Amino acid sequence: MLEEIGHEVIAEADNGETACYLARNLKPDLVILDIMMPRMNGLDAAATINQERIAPVLLLTAYSEGPMIEQERSPACWRIL
């Protein structure tokens, strides 16, 4: 979908640990994560990527309430879509 509108997708990860590894090695302009990911959730991965100052992180989720969304107030993330 992103490629169809002219963006380059340089990697895809199926879990938070892999997302952090790929972000460290590929240095993308933007990291897009789902909150619910195996091994390391998106919030924890965002915190790691943010702490290491790798790239801005956009978190996406279908969840609208609950403890995961309340963590949105952490320094790792400004807003969740």
PDB file of N, CA and C in Angstrom:
ATOM      1  N   MET A   1       0.822  -1.188   0.000  1.00  0.00           N
ATOM      2  CA  MET A   1       0.000   0.000   0.000  1.00  0.00           C
ATOM      3  C   MET A   1       0.872   1.260   0.000  1.00  0.00           C
ATOM      4  N   LEU A   2       1.852   1.346   0.870  1.00  0.00           N
ATOM      5  CA  LEU A   2       2.724   2.529   0.906  1.00  0.00           C
ATOM      6  C   LEU A   2       3.534   2.670  -0.375  1.00  0.00           C
ATOM      7  N   GLU A   3       3.966   1.555  -0.909  1.00  0.00           N
ATOM      8  CA  GLU A   3       4.750   1.593  -2.138  1.00  0.00           C
ATOM      9  C   GLU A   3       3.921   2.102  -3.316  1.00  0.00           C
ATOM     10  N   GLU A   4       2.644   1.817  -3.304  1.00  0.00           N
ATOM     11  CA  GLU A   4       1.762   2.265  -4.383  1.00  0.00           C
ATOM     12  C   GLU A   4       1.659   3.785  -4.454  1.00  0.00           C
ATOM     13  N   ILE A   5       1.933   4.457  -3.342  1.00  0.00           N
ATOM     14  CA  ILE A   5       1.861   5.931  -3.346  1.00  0.00           C
ATOM     15  C   ILE A   5       3.249   6.566  -3.277  1.00  0.00           C
ATOM     16  N   GLY A   6       4.266   5.777  -3.634  1.00  0.00           N
ATOM     17  CA  GLY A   6       5.598   6.335  -3.809  1.00  0.00           C
ATOM     18  C   GLY A   6       6.581   6.189  -2.670  1.00  0.00           C
ATOM     19  N   HIS A   7       6.208   5.521  -1.583  1.00  0.00           N
ATOM     20  CA  HIS A   7       7.135   5.331  -0.465  1.00  0.00           C
ATOM     21  C   HIS A   7       7.918   4.038  -0.650  1.00  0.00           C
ATOM     22  N   GLU A   8       9.117   4.009  -0.108  1.00  0.00           N
ATOM     23  CA  GLU A   8       9.932   2.807  -0.155  1.00  0.00           C
ATOM     24  C   GLU A   8       9.834   2.081   1.180  1.00  0.00           C
ATOM     25  N   VAL A   9       9.389   0.847   1.152  1.00  0.00           N
ATOM     26  CA  VAL A   9       9.338   0.007   2.347  1.00  0.00           C
ATOM     27  C   VAL A   9      10.617  -0.814   2.350  1.00  0.00           C
ATOM     28  N   ILE A  10      11.464  -0.599   3.374  1.00  0.00           N
ATOM     29  CA  ILE A  10      12.773  -1.267   3.370  1.00  0.00           C
ATOM     30  C   ILE A  10      12.799  -2.561   4.172  1.00  0.00           C
ATOM     31  N   ALA A  11      11.756  -2.800   5.001  1.00  0.00           N
ATOM     32  CA  ALA A  11      11.724  -4.037   5.775  1.00  0.00           C
ATOM     33  C   ALA A  11      10.355  -4.224   6.404  1.00  0.00           C
ATOM     34  N   GLU A  12      10.075  -5.465   6.769  1.00  0.00           N
ATOM     35  CA  GLU A  12       8.878  -5.804   7.536  1.00  0.00           C
ATOM     36  C   GLU A  12       9.294  -6.762   8.639  1.00  0.00           C
ATOM     37  N   ALA A  13       8.687  -6.598   9.807  1.00  0.00           N
ATOM     38  CA  ALA A  13       9.005  -7.455  10.951  1.00  0.00           C
ATOM     39  C   ALA A  13       7.720  -8.080  11.479  1.00  0.00           C
ATOM     40  N   ASP A  14       7.812  -9.323  11.926  1.00  0.00           N
ATOM     41  CA  ASP A  14       6.627  -9.981  12.474  1.00  0.00           C
ATOM     42  C   ASP A  14       6.608  -9.982  14.005  1.00  0.00           C
ATOM     43  N   ASN A  15       7.602  -9.322  14.626  1.00  0.00           N
ATOM     44  CA  ASN A  15       7.598  -9.199  16.081  1.00  0.00           C
ATOM     45  C   ASN A  15       8.431  -7.981  16.477  1.00  0.00           C
ATOM     46  N   GLY A  16       8.269  -7.545  17.710  1.00  0.00           N
ATOM     47  CA  GLY A  16       8.931  -6.338  18.182  1.00  0.00           C
ATOM     48  C   GLY A  16      10.444  -6.435  18.243  1.00  0.00           C
ATOM     49  N   GLU A  17      10.964  -7.595  18.609  1.00  0.00           N
ATOM     50  CA  GLU A  17      12.418  -7.759  18.666  1.00  0.00           C
ATOM     51  C   GLU A  17      13.040  -7.597  17.286  1.00  0.00           C
ATOM     52  N   THR A  18      12.427  -8.209  16.298  1.00  0.00           N
ATOM     53  CA  THR A  18      12.924  -8.088  14.933  1.00  0.00           C
ATOM     54  C   THR A  18      12.792  -6.652  14.437  1.00  0.00           C
ATOM     55  N   ALA A  19      11.720  -5.987  14.810  1.00  0.00           N
ATOM     56  CA  ALA A  19      11.529  -4.583  14.420  1.00  0.00           C
ATOM     57  C   ALA A  19      12.673  -3.719  14.953  1.00  0.00           C
ATOM     58  N   CYS A  20      13.057  -3.930  16.200  1.00  0.00           N
ATOM     59  CA  CYS A  20      14.177  -3.175  16.778  1.00  0.00           C
ATOM     60  C   CYS A  20      15.480  -3.496  16.066  1.00  0.00           C
ATOM     61  N   TYR A  21      15.720  -4.765  15.805  1.00  0.00           N
ATOM     62  CA  TYR A  21      16.940  -5.187  15.103  1.00  0.00           C
ATOM     63  C   TYR A  21      17.023  -4.534  13.726  1.00  0.00           C
ATOM     64  N   LEU A  22      15.920  -4.602  12.975  1.00  0.00           N
ATOM     65  CA  LEU A  22      15.907  -4.027  11.634  1.00  0.00           C
ATOM     66  C   LEU A  22      16.071  -2.508  11.679  1.00  0.00           C
ATOM     67  N   ALA A  23      15.420  -1.865  12.636  1.00  0.00           N
ATOM     68  CA  ALA A  23      15.542  -0.406  12.752  1.00  0.00           C
ATOM     69  C   ALA A  23      16.985  -0.012  13.040  1.00  0.00           C
ATOM     70  N   ARG A  24      17.646  -0.738  13.943  1.00  0.00           N
ATOM     71  CA  ARG A  24      19.050  -0.438  14.261  1.00  0.00           C
ATOM     72  C   ARG A  24      19.946  -0.558  13.032  1.00  0.00           C
ATOM     73  N   ASN A  25      19.712  -1.585  12.245  1.00  0.00           N
ATOM     74  CA  ASN A  25      20.598  -1.872  11.121  1.00  0.00           C
ATOM     75  C   ASN A  25      20.268  -1.094   9.851  1.00  0.00           C
ATOM     76  N   LEU A  26      18.998  -0.776   9.648  1.00  0.00           N
ATOM     77  CA  LEU A  26      18.595  -0.129   8.398  1.00  0.00           C
ATOM     78  C   LEU A  26      18.388   1.373   8.519  1.00  0.00           C
ATOM     79  N   LYS A  27      18.241   1.874   9.750  1.00  0.00           N
ATOM     80  CA  LYS A  27      18.075   3.320   9.998  1.00  0.00           C
ATOM     81  C   LYS A  27      16.982   3.954   9.117  1.00  0.00           C
ATOM     82  N   PRO A  28      15.744   3.502   9.250  1.00  0.00           N
ATOM     83  CA  PRO A  28      14.679   4.047   8.404  1.00  0.00           C
ATOM     84  C   PRO A  28      14.315   5.483   8.800  1.00  0.00           C
ATOM     85  N   ASP A  29      13.607   6.165   7.908  1.00  0.00           N
ATOM     86  CA  ASP A  29      13.115   7.512   8.208  1.00  0.00           C
ATOM     87  C   ASP A  29      11.931   7.466   9.171  1.00  0.00           C
ATOM     88  N   LEU A  30      11.179   6.363   9.155  1.00  0.00           N
ATOM     89  CA  LEU A  30       9.993   6.194   9.988  1.00  0.00           C
ATOM     90  C   LEU A  30       9.785   4.716  10.252  1.00  0.00           C
ATOM     91  N   VAL A  31       9.380   4.372  11.487  1.00  0.00           N
ATOM     92  CA  VAL A  31       9.042   2.999  11.844  1.00  0.00           C
ATOM     93  C   VAL A  31       7.546   2.978  12.166  1.00  0.00           C
ATOM     94  N   ILE A  32       6.818   2.067  11.528  1.00  0.00           N
ATOM     95  CA  ILE A  32       5.384   1.908  11.790  1.00  0.00           C
ATOM     96  C   ILE A  32       5.204   0.566  12.479  1.00  0.00           C
ATOM     97  N   LEU A  33       4.607   0.598  13.684  1.00  0.00           N
ATOM     98  CA  LEU A  33       4.423  -0.618  14.481  1.00  0.00           C
ATOM     99  C   LEU A  33       2.963  -0.789  14.883  1.00  0.00           C
ATOM    100  N   ASP A  34       2.556  -2.029  15.047  1.00  0.00           N
ATOM    101  CA  ASP A  34       1.284  -2.335  15.691  1.00  0.00           C
ATOM    102  C   ASP A  34       1.581  -2.459  17.183  1.00  0.00           C
ATOM    103  N   ILE A  35       0.646  -2.093  18.022  1.00  0.00           N
ATOM    104  CA  ILE A  35       0.863  -2.238  19.465  1.00  0.00           C
ATOM    105  C   ILE A  35       0.994  -3.709  19.838  1.00  0.00           C
ATOM    106  N   MET A  36       0.123  -4.548  19.300  1.00  0.00           N
ATOM    107  CA  MET A  36       0.124  -5.965  19.661  1.00  0.00           C
ATOM    108  C   MET A  36       1.032  -6.736  18.719  1.00  0.00           C
ATOM    109  N   MET A  37       2.249  -7.013  19.194  1.00  0.00           N
ATOM    110  CA  MET A  37       3.217  -7.801  18.439  1.00  0.00           C
ATOM    111  C   MET A  37       3.769  -8.883  19.363  1.00  0.00           C
ATOM    112  N   PRO A  38       4.132 -10.046  18.822  1.00  0.00           N
ATOM    113  CA  PRO A  38       4.710 -11.088  19.677  1.00  0.00           C
ATOM    114  C   PRO A  38       6.136 -10.740  20.115  1.00  0.00           C
ATOM    115  N   ARG A  39       6.605 -11.460  21.103  1.00  0.00           N
ATOM    116  CA  ARG A  39       7.938 -11.352  21.706  1.00  0.00           C
ATOM    117  C   ARG A  39       8.169 -10.030  22.421  1.00  0.00           C
ATOM    118  N   MET A  40       7.960  -8.921  21.754  1.00  0.00           N
ATOM    119  CA  MET A  40       8.074  -7.592  22.354  1.00  0.00           C
ATOM    120  C   MET A  40       6.944  -6.776  21.742  1.00  0.00           C
ATOM    121  N   ASN A  41       6.071  -6.216  22.590  1.00  0.00           N
ATOM    122  CA  ASN A  41       4.947  -5.472  22.020  1.00  0.00           C
ATOM    123  C   ASN A  41       5.414  -4.166  21.381  1.00  0.00           C
ATOM    124  N   GLY A  42       4.527  -3.551  20.622  1.00  0.00           N
ATOM    125  CA  GLY A  42       4.876  -2.338  19.900  1.00  0.00           C
ATOM    126  C   GLY A  42       5.277  -1.182  20.793  1.00  0.00           C
ATOM    127  N   LEU A  43       4.663  -1.067  21.965  1.00  0.00           N
ATOM    128  CA  LEU A  43       5.035   0.012  22.886  1.00  0.00           C
ATOM    129  C   LEU A  43       6.464  -0.160  23.393  1.00  0.00           C
ATOM    130  N   ASP A  44       6.827  -1.384  23.734  1.00  0.00           N
ATOM    131  CA  ASP A  44       8.194  -1.631  24.203  1.00  0.00           C
ATOM    132  C   ASP A  44       9.205  -1.442  23.068  1.00  0.00           C
ATOM    133  N   ALA A  45       8.843  -1.898  21.869  1.00  0.00           N
ATOM    134  CA  ALA A  45       9.727  -1.695  20.723  1.00  0.00           C
ATOM    135  C   ALA A  45       9.877  -0.202  20.436  1.00  0.00           C
ATOM    136  N   ALA A  46       8.774   0.546  20.508  1.00  0.00           N
ATOM    137  CA  ALA A  46       8.831   2.000  20.286  1.00  0.00           C
ATOM    138  C   ALA A  46       9.725   2.663  21.325  1.00  0.00           C
ATOM    139  N   ALA A  47       9.620   2.218  22.574  1.00  0.00           N
ATOM    140  CA  ALA A  47      10.458   2.791  23.633  1.00  0.00           C
ATOM    141  C   ALA A  47      11.936   2.543  23.338  1.00  0.00           C
ATOM    142  N   THR A  48      12.266   1.342  22.894  1.00  0.00           N
ATOM    143  CA  THR A  48      13.650   1.011  22.564  1.00  0.00           C
ATOM    144  C   THR A  48      14.148   1.850  21.388  1.00  0.00           C
ATOM    145  N   ILE A  49      13.351   1.922  20.338  1.00  0.00           N
ATOM    146  CA  ILE A  49      13.734   2.681  19.147  1.00  0.00           C
ATOM    147  C   ILE A  49      13.873   4.162  19.488  1.00  0.00           C
ATOM    148  N   ASN A  50      12.975   4.663  20.315  1.00  0.00           N
ATOM    149  CA  ASN A  50      13.031   6.066  20.732  1.00  0.00           C
ATOM    150  C   ASN A  50      14.254   6.326  21.617  1.00  0.00           C
ATOM    151  N   GLN A  51      14.491   5.455  22.578  1.00  0.00           N
ATOM    152  CA  GLN A  51      15.625   5.620  23.491  1.00  0.00           C
ATOM    153  C   GLN A  51      16.954   5.621  22.739  1.00  0.00           C
ATOM    154  N   GLU A  52      17.046   4.798  21.712  1.00  0.00           N
ATOM    155  CA  GLU A  52      18.267   4.727  20.910  1.00  0.00           C
ATOM    156  C   GLU A  52      18.288   5.791  19.807  1.00  0.00           C
ATOM    157  N   ARG A  53      17.246   6.606  19.742  1.00  0.00           N
ATOM    158  CA  ARG A  53      17.137   7.703  18.771  1.00  0.00           C
ATOM    159  C   ARG A  53      17.368   7.238  17.333  1.00  0.00           C
ATOM    160  N   ILE A  54      16.709   6.144  16.987  1.00  0.00           N
ATOM    161  CA  ILE A  54      16.875   5.563  15.655  1.00  0.00           C
ATOM    162  C   ILE A  54      15.991   6.267  14.633  1.00  0.00           C
ATOM    163  N   ALA A  55      14.699   6.389  14.959  1.00  0.00           N
ATOM    164  CA  ALA A  55      13.741   6.961  14.003  1.00  0.00           C
ATOM    165  C   ALA A  55      12.448   7.284  14.741  1.00  0.00           C
ATOM    166  N   PRO A  56      11.625   8.174  14.187  1.00  0.00           N
ATOM    167  CA  PRO A  56      10.299   8.380  14.763  1.00  0.00           C
ATOM    168  C   PRO A  56       9.473   7.101  14.594  1.00  0.00           C
ATOM    169  N   VAL A  57       8.542   6.885  15.516  1.00  0.00           N
ATOM    170  CA  VAL A  57       7.705   5.686  15.488  1.00  0.00           C
ATOM    171  C   VAL A  57       6.241   6.088  15.431  1.00  0.00           C
ATOM    172  N   LEU A  58       5.512   5.464  14.518  1.00  0.00           N
ATOM    173  CA  LEU A  58       4.069   5.616  14.419  1.00  0.00           C
ATOM    174  C   LEU A  58       3.454   4.305  14.876  1.00  0.00           C
ATOM    175  N   LEU A  59       2.630   4.358  15.925  1.00  0.00           N
ATOM    176  CA  LEU A  59       1.968   3.158  16.439  1.00  0.00           C
ATOM    177  C   LEU A  59       0.542   3.104  15.922  1.00  0.00           C
ATOM    178  N   LEU A  60       0.156   1.953  15.425  1.00  0.00           N
ATOM    179  CA  LEU A  60      -1.204   1.725  14.947  1.00  0.00           C
ATOM    180  C   LEU A  60      -1.840   0.625  15.776  1.00  0.00           C
ATOM    181  N   THR A  61      -3.143   0.722  15.981  1.00  0.00           N
ATOM    182  CA  THR A  61      -3.839  -0.322  16.707  1.00  0.00           C
ATOM    183  C   THR A  61      -5.327  -0.273  16.425  1.00  0.00           C
ATOM    184  N   ALA A  62      -5.979  -1.400  16.632  1.00  0.00           N
ATOM    185  CA  ALA A  62      -7.431  -1.464  16.552  1.00  0.00           C
ATOM    186  C   ALA A  62      -8.042  -1.360  17.950  1.00  0.00           C
ATOM    187  N   TYR A  63      -7.193  -1.386  18.988  1.00  0.00           N
ATOM    188  CA  TYR A  63      -7.673  -1.295  20.359  1.00  0.00           C
ATOM    189  C   TYR A  63      -8.031   0.142  20.700  1.00  0.00           C
ATOM    190  N   SER A  64      -9.088   0.317  21.488  1.00  0.00           N
ATOM    191  CA  SER A  64      -9.497   1.678  21.850  1.00  0.00           C
ATOM    192  C   SER A  64      -9.477   1.923  23.352  1.00  0.00           C
ATOM    193  N   GLU A  65      -9.242   0.903  24.132  1.00  0.00           N
ATOM    194  CA  GLU A  65      -9.170   1.091  25.579  1.00  0.00           C
ATOM    195  C   GLU A  65      -8.332  -0.010  26.197  1.00  0.00           C
ATOM    196  N   GLY A  66      -8.095   0.116  27.463  1.00  0.00           N
ATOM    197  CA  GLY A  66      -7.339  -0.914  28.157  1.00  0.00           C
ATOM    198  C   GLY A  66      -5.944  -0.473  28.521  1.00  0.00           C
ATOM    199  N   PRO A  67      -5.215  -1.344  29.210  1.00  0.00           N
ATOM    200  CA  PRO A  67      -3.896  -0.984  29.729  1.00  0.00           C
ATOM    201  C   PRO A  67      -2.877  -0.646  28.650  1.00  0.00           C
ATOM    202  N   MET A  68      -2.960  -1.272  27.485  1.00  0.00           N
ATOM    203  CA  MET A  68      -1.992  -0.969  26.437  1.00  0.00           C
ATOM    204  C   MET A  68      -2.113   0.484  25.996  1.00  0.00           C
ATOM    205  N   ILE A  69      -3.328   0.977  25.849  1.00  0.00           N
ATOM    206  CA  ILE A  69      -3.524   2.349  25.404  1.00  0.00           C
ATOM    207  C   ILE A  69      -3.098   3.332  26.488  1.00  0.00           C
ATOM    208  N   GLU A  70      -3.272   2.976  27.738  1.00  0.00           N
ATOM    209  CA  GLU A  70      -2.874   3.876  28.819  1.00  0.00           C
ATOM    210  C   GLU A  70      -1.374   4.088  28.851  1.00  0.00           C
ATOM    211  N   GLN A  71      -0.603   3.141  28.326  1.00  0.00           N
ATOM    212  CA  GLN A  71       0.844   3.311  28.255  1.00  0.00           C
ATOM    213  C   GLN A  71       1.223   4.357  27.220  1.00  0.00           C
ATOM    214  N   GLU A  72       0.261   4.813  26.442  1.00  0.00           N
ATOM    215  CA  GLU A  72       0.499   5.834  25.419  1.00  0.00           C
ATOM    216  C   GLU A  72       1.115   7.079  26.026  1.00  0.00           C
ATOM    217  N   ARG A  73       0.943   7.273  27.293  1.00  0.00           N
ATOM    218  CA  ARG A  73       1.484   8.460  27.951  1.00  0.00           C
ATOM    219  C   ARG A  73       2.990   8.353  28.194  1.00  0.00           C
ATOM    220  N   SER A  74       3.563   7.220  27.845  1.00  0.00           N
ATOM    221  CA  SER A  74       5.001   7.043  28.051  1.00  0.00           C
ATOM    222  C   SER A  74       5.786   7.945  27.105  1.00  0.00           C
ATOM    223  N   PRO A  75       7.043   8.249  27.443  1.00  0.00           N
ATOM    224  CA  PRO A  75       7.859   9.104  26.576  1.00  0.00           C
ATOM    225  C   PRO A  75       8.135   8.499  25.207  1.00  0.00           C
ATOM    226  N   ALA A  76       7.901   7.191  25.047  1.00  0.00           N
ATOM    227  CA  ALA A  76       8.214   6.530  23.782  1.00  0.00           C
ATOM    228  C   ALA A  76       7.266   6.936  22.674  1.00  0.00           C
ATOM    229  N   CYS A  77       6.119   7.463  23.027  1.00  0.00           N
ATOM    230  CA  CYS A  77       5.157   7.700  21.975  1.00  0.00           C
ATOM    231  C   CYS A  77       4.350   8.950  22.264  1.00  0.00           C
ATOM    232  N   TRP A  78       4.115   9.727  21.219  1.00  0.00           N
ATOM    233  CA  TRP A  78       3.347  10.956  21.373  1.00  0.00           C
ATOM    234  C   TRP A  78       1.876  10.704  21.139  1.00  0.00           C
ATOM    235  N   ARG A  79       1.545   9.942  20.127  1.00  0.00           N
ATOM    236  CA  ARG A  79       0.155   9.665  19.795  1.00  0.00           C
ATOM    237  C   ARG A  79       0.041   8.262  19.197  1.00  0.00           C
ATOM    238  N   ILE A  80      -1.131   7.695  19.334  1.00  0.00           N
ATOM    239  CA  ILE A  80      -1.432   6.394  18.742  1.00  0.00           C
ATOM    240  C   ILE A  80      -2.608   6.569  17.805  1.00  0.00           C
ATOM    241  N   LEU A  81      -2.497   6.027  16.600  1.00  0.00           N
ATOM    242  CA  LEU A  81      -3.613   6.055  15.643  1.00  0.00           C
ATOM    243  C   LEU A  81      -4.342   4.748  15.680  1.00  0.00           C
TER     244      LEU A  81
END
